[in-house]
Amino acid sequence: MPRIRVRKTSKGQSDWSRYKDALEEVNAGDSQRKAAHKQGINHYSLLKYLRKQSASSHYIQIADPKKSGFNAPVANNELTKTRKVVITIFATIATQINP
């Protein structure tokens, strides 16, 4: 049994800068397959990278500090007055020590 596992493929070993360079080539007018071949990456991995970039750019354009990355409203974390009263009553009851 070998002590060191030798990878048989180079899948998942590409540097992200290659994907960025391929993205620039695609934006310049090259086909996706040609740009992937020039950078030495899988064309389908490049396609998935392009899809993620276009999806994230949509959310970046409509970014709002009150919204999260999935364009869903962020929950208001402030407690209401009644919840504050209930918590204080519970805290006083829970911390009472009966000798």
C-alpha atoms as a PDB file:
ATOM      1  CA  MET A   1       0.000   0.000   0.000  1.00  0.00           C
ATOM      2  CA  PRO A   2       1.528   3.347  -0.997  1.00  0.00           C
ATOM      3  CA  ARG A   3       2.205   5.881   1.700  1.00  0.00           C
ATOM      4  CA  ILE A   4       1.614   8.888  -0.513  1.00  0.00           C
ATOM      5  CA  ARG A   5      -1.454   9.030  -2.708  1.00  0.00           C
ATOM      6  CA  VAL A   6      -0.561  10.171  -6.210  1.00  0.00           C
ATOM      7  CA  ARG A   7      -3.261  12.114  -8.032  1.00  0.00           C
ATOM      8  CA  LYS A   8      -4.191  10.661 -11.400  1.00  0.00           C
ATOM      9  CA  THR A   9      -5.828  13.834 -12.708  1.00  0.00           C
ATOM     10  CA  SER A  10      -5.164  17.529 -12.399  1.00  0.00           C
ATOM     11  CA  LYS A  11      -8.850  18.314 -11.815  1.00  0.00           C
ATOM     12  CA  GLY A  12      -9.291  21.021  -9.209  1.00  0.00           C
ATOM     13  CA  GLN A  13      -5.636  22.046  -9.363  1.00  0.00           C
ATOM     14  CA  SER A  14      -6.061  25.185 -11.489  1.00  0.00           C
ATOM     15  CA  ASP A  15      -5.199  28.584 -10.104  1.00  0.00           C
ATOM     16  CA  TRP A  16      -8.035  31.165  -9.946  1.00  0.00           C
ATOM     17  CA  SER A  17      -5.920  33.656 -11.886  1.00  0.00           C
ATOM     18  CA  ARG A  18      -6.216  31.371 -14.924  1.00  0.00           C
ATOM     19  CA  TYR A  19     -10.005  31.602 -14.723  1.00  0.00           C
ATOM     20  CA  LYS A  20      -9.822  35.393 -14.484  1.00  0.00           C
ATOM     21  CA  ASP A  21      -7.515  35.542 -17.511  1.00  0.00           C
ATOM     22  CA  ALA A  22      -9.851  33.259 -19.457  1.00  0.00           C
ATOM     23  CA  LEU A  23     -12.785  35.482 -18.478  1.00  0.00           C
ATOM     24  CA  GLU A  24     -10.963  38.490 -19.917  1.00  0.00           C
ATOM     25  CA  GLU A  25     -10.293  36.568 -23.138  1.00  0.00           C
ATOM     26  CA  VAL A  26     -13.965  35.610 -23.427  1.00  0.00           C
ATOM     27  CA  ASN A  27     -14.961  39.244 -22.873  1.00  0.00           C
ATOM     28  CA  ALA A  28     -12.463  40.230 -25.584  1.00  0.00           C
ATOM     29  CA  GLY A  29     -14.245  37.998 -28.099  1.00  0.00           C
ATOM     30  CA  ASP A  30     -12.696  34.520 -27.932  1.00  0.00           C
ATOM     31  CA  SER A  31     -14.913  31.475 -27.568  1.00  0.00           C
ATOM     32  CA  GLN A  32     -15.139  29.816 -24.174  1.00  0.00           C
ATOM     33  CA  ARG A  33     -13.502  26.605 -25.364  1.00  0.00           C
ATOM     34  CA  LYS A  34     -10.649  28.471 -27.059  1.00  0.00           C
ATOM     35  CA  ALA A  35      -9.998  30.617 -23.973  1.00  0.00           C
ATOM     36  CA  ALA A  36     -10.082  27.542 -21.721  1.00  0.00           C
ATOM     37  CA  HIS A  37      -7.664  25.697 -23.998  1.00  0.00           C
ATOM     38  CA  LYS A  38      -5.257  28.667 -24.017  1.00  0.00           C
ATOM     39  CA  GLN A  39      -5.255  28.826 -20.215  1.00  0.00           C
ATOM     40  CA  GLY A  40      -5.064  25.040 -19.791  1.00  0.00           C
ATOM     41  CA  ILE A  41      -8.303  24.640 -17.846  1.00  0.00           C
ATOM     42  CA  ASN A  42     -11.431  22.573 -18.362  1.00  0.00           C
ATOM     43  CA  HIS A  43     -13.972  24.334 -20.584  1.00  0.00           C
ATOM     44  CA  TYR A  44     -16.921  23.243 -18.463  1.00  0.00           C
ATOM     45  CA  SER A  45     -15.244  24.511 -15.282  1.00  0.00           C
ATOM     46  CA  LEU A  46     -14.772  27.824 -17.065  1.00  0.00           C
ATOM     47  CA  LEU A  47     -18.457  27.822 -18.012  1.00  0.00           C
ATOM     48  CA  LYS A  48     -19.444  27.283 -14.362  1.00  0.00           C
ATOM     49  CA  TYR A  49     -17.057  30.075 -13.318  1.00  0.00           C
ATOM     50  CA  LEU A  50     -18.595  32.442 -15.897  1.00  0.00           C
ATOM     51  CA  ARG A  51     -22.103  31.617 -14.668  1.00  0.00           C
ATOM     52  CA  LYS A  52     -21.124  32.302 -11.061  1.00  0.00           C
ATOM     53  CA  GLN A  53     -19.507  35.594 -12.025  1.00  0.00           C
ATOM     54  CA  SER A  54     -22.547  36.775 -13.945  1.00  0.00           C
ATOM     55  CA  ALA A  55     -24.882  35.746 -11.104  1.00  0.00           C
ATOM     56  CA  SER A  56     -22.790  37.493  -8.463  1.00  0.00           C
ATOM     57  CA  SER A  57     -22.452  40.671 -10.546  1.00  0.00           C
ATOM     58  CA  HIS A  58     -26.265  40.916 -10.594  1.00  0.00           C
ATOM     59  CA  TYR A  59     -26.358  40.915  -6.796  1.00  0.00           C
ATOM     60  CA  ILE A  60     -23.433  43.325  -6.512  1.00  0.00           C
ATOM     61  CA  GLN A  61     -25.203  45.903  -8.689  1.00  0.00           C
ATOM     62  CA  ILE A  62     -28.298  45.937  -6.480  1.00  0.00           C
ATOM     63  CA  ALA A  63     -26.355  45.725  -3.221  1.00  0.00           C
ATOM     64  CA  ASP A  64     -28.122  47.273  -0.266  1.00  0.00           C
ATOM     65  CA  PRO A  65     -26.746  47.323   3.297  1.00  0.00           C
ATOM     66  CA  LYS A  66     -30.100  46.046   4.573  1.00  0.00           C
ATOM     67  CA  LYS A  67     -29.965  42.986   2.310  1.00  0.00           C
ATOM     68  CA  SER A  68     -27.778  39.904   2.331  1.00  0.00           C
ATOM     69  CA  GLY A  69     -25.847  38.361  -0.580  1.00  0.00           C
ATOM     70  CA  PHE A  70     -28.878  36.409  -1.764  1.00  0.00           C
ATOM     71  CA  ASN A  71     -30.947  39.581  -2.113  1.00  0.00           C
ATOM     72  CA  ALA A  72     -33.134  38.608   0.829  1.00  0.00           C
ATOM     73  CA  PRO A  73     -34.022  41.105   3.553  1.00  0.00           C
ATOM     74  CA  VAL A  74     -31.922  40.857   6.677  1.00  0.00           C
ATOM     75  CA  ALA A  75     -33.894  40.062   9.810  1.00  0.00           C
ATOM     76  CA  ASN A  76     -34.281  42.820  12.379  1.00  0.00           C
ATOM     77  CA  ASN A  77     -32.490  41.568  15.490  1.00  0.00           C
ATOM     78  CA  GLU A  78     -33.851  44.144  17.935  1.00  0.00           C
ATOM     79  CA  LEU A  79     -36.054  42.909  20.764  1.00  0.00           C
ATOM     80  CA  THR A  80     -39.542  44.275  21.256  1.00  0.00           C
ATOM     81  CA  LYS A  81     -40.560  45.836  24.575  1.00  0.00           C
ATOM     82  CA  THR A  82     -42.610  42.811  25.624  1.00  0.00           C
ATOM     83  CA  ARG A  83     -39.761  40.418  24.895  1.00  0.00           C
ATOM     84  CA  LYS A  84     -37.379  42.571  26.932  1.00  0.00           C
ATOM     85  CA  VAL A  85     -39.796  42.482  29.892  1.00  0.00           C
ATOM     86  CA  VAL A  86     -40.227  38.714  29.606  1.00  0.00           C
ATOM     87  CA  ILE A  87     -36.474  38.180  29.467  1.00  0.00           C
ATOM     88  CA  THR A  88     -35.857  40.356  32.528  1.00  0.00           C
ATOM     89  CA  ILE A  89     -38.582  38.551  34.502  1.00  0.00           C
ATOM     90  CA  PHE A  90     -37.181  35.171  33.485  1.00  0.00           C
ATOM     91  CA  ALA A  91     -33.655  36.268  34.391  1.00  0.00           C
ATOM     92  CA  THR A  92     -34.699  37.444  37.853  1.00  0.00           C
ATOM     93  CA  ILE A  93     -36.633  34.227  38.531  1.00  0.00           C
ATOM     94  CA  ALA A  94     -33.855  32.010  37.198  1.00  0.00           C
ATOM     95  CA  THR A  95     -31.134  33.704  39.240  1.00  0.00           C
ATOM     96  CA  GLN A  96     -32.928  33.566  42.581  1.00  0.00           C
ATOM     97  CA  ILE A  97     -31.135  31.270  44.977  1.00  0.00           C
ATOM     98  CA  ASN A  98     -33.167  29.485  47.613  1.00  0.00           C
ATOM     99  CA  PRO A  99     -30.941  28.317  50.493  1.00  0.00           C
END
